[in-house]
Amino acid sequence: MSKKNRSIPQFKSEDEERDFWSENDSSDYVDWKKAQAIRFPNLKPSTKTISVRFPEILLDDLKILANKRDVPYQSLLKIFVAERVEEETRSES
């Protein structure tokens, strides 16, 4: 016999929704057996602007590498950081 799921409340903000889901089990509200996988091909990840200070020589070297690869240096920096974070995360496992 399947259980009756509760109604998901209306939220006034993302923060309110985030708090709700951090304290409640989604299986009380959603029948995950009926869930379907979907893709969001045009969804861009949220980004946040930060300020990082680099020695000028390091920044110059980064710009040279980026120029050789024909990509903006900020994009190359994101790639380098993401690769290293993934590497470190894997080595911790």
N, C-alpha and C. Protein backbone atom coordinates (compact mmCIF):
# COMPACT_ATOMS: atom_id res chain seq x y z
N MET A 1 0.84 -1.18 0.00
CA MET A 1 0.00 0.00 0.00
C MET A 1 0.89 1.24 0.00
N SER A 2 0.63 2.17 -0.89
CA SER A 2 1.46 3.37 -0.96
C SER A 2 0.97 4.40 0.05
N LYS A 3 1.91 5.15 0.57
CA LYS A 3 1.54 6.17 1.55
C LYS A 3 1.15 7.46 0.85
N LYS A 4 0.31 8.23 1.48
CA LYS A 4 -0.13 9.51 0.93
C LYS A 4 0.93 10.54 1.25
N ASN A 5 1.38 11.25 0.22
CA ASN A 5 2.38 12.28 0.40
C ASN A 5 1.73 13.57 0.88
N ARG A 6 2.47 14.29 1.71
CA ARG A 6 2.02 15.60 2.19
C ARG A 6 2.15 16.62 1.07
N SER A 7 1.39 17.70 1.18
CA SER A 7 1.48 18.79 0.21
C SER A 7 2.70 19.64 0.50
N ILE A 8 3.41 20.00 -0.54
CA ILE A 8 4.57 20.88 -0.39
C ILE A 8 4.06 22.29 -0.15
N PRO A 9 4.51 22.95 0.91
CA PRO A 9 4.03 24.31 1.18
C PRO A 9 4.53 25.32 0.16
N GLN A 10 3.88 26.46 0.10
CA GLN A 10 4.33 27.58 -0.72
C GLN A 10 5.40 28.33 0.06
N PHE A 11 6.48 28.70 -0.60
CA PHE A 11 7.59 29.38 0.07
C PHE A 11 7.65 30.83 -0.38
N LYS A 12 8.01 31.69 0.54
CA LYS A 12 8.11 33.12 0.24
C LYS A 12 9.47 33.48 -0.36
N SER A 13 10.46 32.60 -0.14
CA SER A 13 11.80 32.88 -0.64
C SER A 13 12.57 31.57 -0.78
N GLU A 14 13.68 31.64 -1.51
CA GLU A 14 14.55 30.46 -1.63
C GLU A 14 15.13 30.08 -0.27
N ASP A 15 15.44 31.09 0.55
CA ASP A 15 15.99 30.80 1.88
C ASP A 15 14.99 30.01 2.71
N GLU A 16 13.72 30.40 2.64
CA GLU A 16 12.68 29.69 3.39
C GLU A 16 12.56 28.25 2.89
N GLU A 17 12.61 28.08 1.57
CA GLU A 17 12.53 26.73 1.00
C GLU A 17 13.75 25.90 1.40
N ARG A 18 14.93 26.50 1.33
CA ARG A 18 16.16 25.81 1.71
C ARG A 18 16.08 25.33 3.16
N ASP A 19 15.60 26.21 4.05
CA ASP A 19 15.46 25.85 5.46
C ASP A 19 14.47 24.69 5.64
N PHE A 20 13.37 24.77 4.91
CA PHE A 20 12.36 23.72 5.00
C PHE A 20 12.94 22.36 4.61
N TRP A 21 13.61 22.31 3.45
CA TRP A 21 14.13 21.02 2.97
C TRP A 21 15.30 20.52 3.81
N SER A 22 16.00 21.41 4.48
CA SER A 22 17.09 20.95 5.35
C SER A 22 16.56 20.28 6.61
N GLU A 23 15.28 20.54 6.93
CA GLU A 23 14.68 19.99 8.15
C GLU A 23 13.64 18.91 7.88
N ASN A 24 13.29 18.67 6.62
CA ASN A 24 12.24 17.72 6.28
C ASN A 24 12.73 16.70 5.26
N ASP A 25 12.18 15.51 5.34
CA ASP A 25 12.52 14.43 4.42
C ASP A 25 11.65 14.54 3.17
N SER A 26 12.28 14.67 2.02
CA SER A 26 11.52 14.85 0.78
C SER A 26 10.61 13.67 0.47
N SER A 27 10.95 12.48 0.96
CA SER A 27 10.11 11.32 0.67
C SER A 27 8.74 11.41 1.35
N ASP A 28 8.59 12.33 2.31
CA ASP A 28 7.27 12.57 2.91
C ASP A 28 6.41 13.42 1.99
N TYR A 29 7.02 14.06 0.99
CA TYR A 29 6.33 15.00 0.12
C TYR A 29 6.33 14.59 -1.35
N VAL A 30 7.25 13.74 -1.74
CA VAL A 30 7.40 13.37 -3.14
C VAL A 30 7.47 11.85 -3.26
N ASP A 31 6.74 11.30 -4.21
CA ASP A 31 6.83 9.87 -4.49
C ASP A 31 7.96 9.68 -5.49
N TRP A 32 9.16 9.40 -5.00
CA TRP A 32 10.34 9.31 -5.85
C TRP A 32 10.29 8.14 -6.82
N LYS A 33 9.41 7.17 -6.57
CA LYS A 33 9.27 6.04 -7.50
C LYS A 33 8.66 6.49 -8.83
N LYS A 34 7.95 7.62 -8.80
CA LYS A 34 7.32 8.15 -10.02
C LYS A 34 8.20 9.21 -10.69
N ALA A 35 9.33 9.51 -10.11
CA ALA A 35 10.19 10.57 -10.63
C ALA A 35 10.82 10.15 -11.96
N GLN A 36 11.04 11.14 -12.81
CA GLN A 36 11.69 10.91 -14.10
C GLN A 36 12.93 11.79 -14.18
N ALA A 37 13.97 11.27 -14.79
CA ALA A 37 15.19 12.06 -14.99
C ALA A 37 14.95 13.07 -16.10
N ILE A 38 15.38 14.30 -15.87
CA ILE A 38 15.28 15.33 -16.90
C ILE A 38 16.61 16.06 -16.98
N ARG A 39 16.80 16.76 -18.09
CA ARG A 39 18.04 17.53 -18.30
C ARG A 39 17.69 18.99 -18.49
N PHE A 40 18.58 19.85 -18.04
CA PHE A 40 18.45 21.28 -18.23
C PHE A 40 19.67 21.75 -19.02
N PRO A 41 19.67 21.57 -20.34
CA PRO A 41 20.87 21.84 -21.12
C PRO A 41 21.29 23.30 -21.15
N ASN A 42 20.37 24.23 -20.92
CA ASN A 42 20.72 25.65 -20.98
C ASN A 42 20.92 26.28 -19.61
N LEU A 43 20.86 25.47 -18.57
CA LEU A 43 21.02 25.99 -17.22
C LEU A 43 22.49 26.26 -16.95
N LYS A 44 22.77 27.47 -16.52
CA LYS A 44 24.14 27.83 -16.19
C LYS A 44 24.31 27.80 -14.68
N PRO A 45 25.43 27.26 -14.20
CA PRO A 45 25.63 27.24 -12.76
C PRO A 45 25.75 28.65 -12.19
N SER A 46 25.28 28.81 -10.98
CA SER A 46 25.41 30.12 -10.33
C SER A 46 26.88 30.43 -10.12
N THR A 47 27.22 31.66 -10.29
CA THR A 47 28.60 32.08 -10.07
C THR A 47 28.61 33.22 -9.07
N LYS A 48 29.75 33.41 -8.47
CA LYS A 48 29.93 34.49 -7.52
C LYS A 48 31.25 35.17 -7.82
N THR A 49 31.22 36.48 -7.85
CA THR A 49 32.43 37.24 -8.11
C THR A 49 33.26 37.31 -6.85
N ILE A 50 34.56 37.05 -7.01
CA ILE A 50 35.48 37.16 -5.88
C ILE A 50 36.68 38.00 -6.32
N SER A 51 37.44 38.41 -5.36
CA SER A 51 38.66 39.15 -5.66
C SER A 51 39.85 38.34 -5.13
N VAL A 52 40.79 38.08 -6.01
CA VAL A 52 41.98 37.32 -5.64
C VAL A 52 43.20 38.10 -6.09
N ARG A 53 44.16 38.23 -5.23
CA ARG A 53 45.39 38.94 -5.58
C ARG A 53 46.46 37.92 -5.98
N PHE A 54 47.04 38.15 -7.17
CA PHE A 54 48.11 37.30 -7.67
C PHE A 54 49.36 38.14 -7.87
N PRO A 55 50.52 37.52 -7.69
CA PRO A 55 51.74 38.22 -8.09
C PRO A 55 51.66 38.51 -9.59
N GLU A 56 52.14 39.67 -9.99
CA GLU A 56 52.03 40.07 -11.40
C GLU A 56 52.65 39.06 -12.35
N ILE A 57 53.78 38.49 -11.97
CA ILE A 57 54.45 37.52 -12.84
C ILE A 57 53.57 36.28 -13.05
N LEU A 58 52.87 35.84 -12.01
CA LEU A 58 51.98 34.68 -12.15
C LEU A 58 50.81 35.03 -13.07
N LEU A 59 50.25 36.20 -12.90
CA LEU A 59 49.16 36.64 -13.77
C LEU A 59 49.63 36.77 -15.22
N ASP A 60 50.82 37.30 -15.41
CA ASP A 60 51.37 37.40 -16.77
C ASP A 60 51.53 36.02 -17.40
N ASP A 61 52.06 35.07 -16.62
CA ASP A 61 52.23 33.70 -17.13
C ASP A 61 50.88 33.07 -17.48
N LEU A 62 49.88 33.31 -16.65
CA LEU A 62 48.55 32.79 -16.91
C LEU A 62 47.99 33.37 -18.21
N LYS A 63 48.19 34.66 -18.41
CA LYS A 63 47.70 35.30 -19.63
C LYS A 63 48.40 34.76 -20.87
N ILE A 64 49.68 34.48 -20.75
CA ILE A 64 50.43 33.90 -21.88
C ILE A 64 49.88 32.52 -22.22
N LEU A 65 49.68 31.69 -21.18
CA LEU A 65 49.11 30.35 -21.42
C LEU A 65 47.72 30.45 -22.04
N ALA A 66 46.91 31.35 -21.54
CA ALA A 66 45.55 31.51 -22.06
C ALA A 66 45.59 31.96 -23.52
N ASN A 67 46.49 32.87 -23.82
CA ASN A 67 46.62 33.36 -25.20
C ASN A 67 47.01 32.22 -26.14
N LYS A 68 47.91 31.35 -25.71
CA LYS A 68 48.32 30.21 -26.53
C LYS A 68 47.14 29.28 -26.80
N ARG A 69 46.23 29.19 -25.84
CA ARG A 69 45.06 28.31 -25.98
C ARG A 69 43.85 29.04 -26.55
N ASP A 70 44.01 30.34 -26.78
CA ASP A 70 42.94 31.17 -27.34
C ASP A 70 41.68 31.15 -26.47
N VAL A 71 41.90 31.31 -25.16
CA VAL A 71 40.79 31.41 -24.21
C VAL A 71 41.06 32.60 -23.28
N PRO A 72 40.02 33.18 -22.70
CA PRO A 72 40.25 34.25 -21.73
C PRO A 72 41.00 33.70 -20.51
N TYR A 73 41.87 34.52 -19.94
CA TYR A 73 42.67 34.02 -18.83
C TYR A 73 41.82 33.66 -17.62
N GLN A 74 40.67 34.36 -17.42
CA GLN A 74 39.80 34.02 -16.29
C GLN A 74 39.21 32.62 -16.47
N SER A 75 38.88 32.28 -17.72
CA SER A 75 38.35 30.94 -18.00
C SER A 75 39.40 29.88 -17.75
N LEU A 76 40.62 30.14 -18.17
CA LEU A 76 41.70 29.18 -17.94
C LEU A 76 41.95 29.01 -16.45
N LEU A 77 41.89 30.09 -15.71
CA LEU A 77 42.08 30.01 -14.26
C LEU A 77 40.99 29.14 -13.62
N LYS A 78 39.73 29.31 -14.06
CA LYS A 78 38.64 28.48 -13.53
C LYS A 78 38.88 27.01 -13.84
N ILE A 79 39.37 26.73 -15.05
CA ILE A 79 39.66 25.34 -15.43
C ILE A 79 40.74 24.77 -14.52
N PHE A 80 41.82 25.53 -14.34
CA PHE A 80 42.93 25.05 -13.49
C PHE A 80 42.46 24.80 -12.06
N VAL A 81 41.68 25.71 -11.51
CA VAL A 81 41.20 25.56 -10.13
C VAL A 81 40.27 24.35 -10.04
N ALA A 82 39.35 24.21 -10.99
CA ALA A 82 38.41 23.09 -10.97
C ALA A 82 39.14 21.75 -11.05
N GLU A 83 40.15 21.68 -11.94
CA GLU A 83 40.92 20.44 -12.07
C GLU A 83 41.63 20.10 -10.76
N ARG A 84 42.21 21.09 -10.13
CA ARG A 84 42.96 20.84 -8.89
C ARG A 84 42.03 20.46 -7.75
N VAL A 85 40.88 21.11 -7.67
CA VAL A 85 39.91 20.77 -6.63
C VAL A 85 39.42 19.33 -6.82
N GLU A 86 39.15 18.95 -8.07
CA GLU A 86 38.72 17.59 -8.34
C GLU A 86 39.82 16.59 -7.96
N GLU A 87 41.04 16.90 -8.30
CA GLU A 87 42.19 16.04 -7.98
C GLU A 87 42.33 15.88 -6.46
N GLU A 88 42.25 16.99 -5.74
CA GLU A 88 42.37 16.94 -4.28
C GLU A 88 41.22 16.18 -3.65
N THR A 89 40.03 16.37 -4.18
CA THR A 89 38.85 15.68 -3.65
C THR A 89 38.98 14.18 -3.85
N ARG A 90 39.43 13.77 -5.05
CA ARG A 90 39.63 12.35 -5.32
C ARG A 90 40.70 11.75 -4.41
N SER A 91 41.76 12.48 -4.14
CA SER A 91 42.85 11.93 -3.32
C SER A 91 42.44 11.80 -1.86
N GLU A 92 41.45 12.57 -1.43
CA GLU A 92 40.97 12.46 -0.05
C GLU A 92 40.07 11.25 0.14
N SER A 93 39.48 10.77 -0.95
CA SER A 93 38.54 9.63 -0.86
C SER A 93 39.26 8.32 -0.70
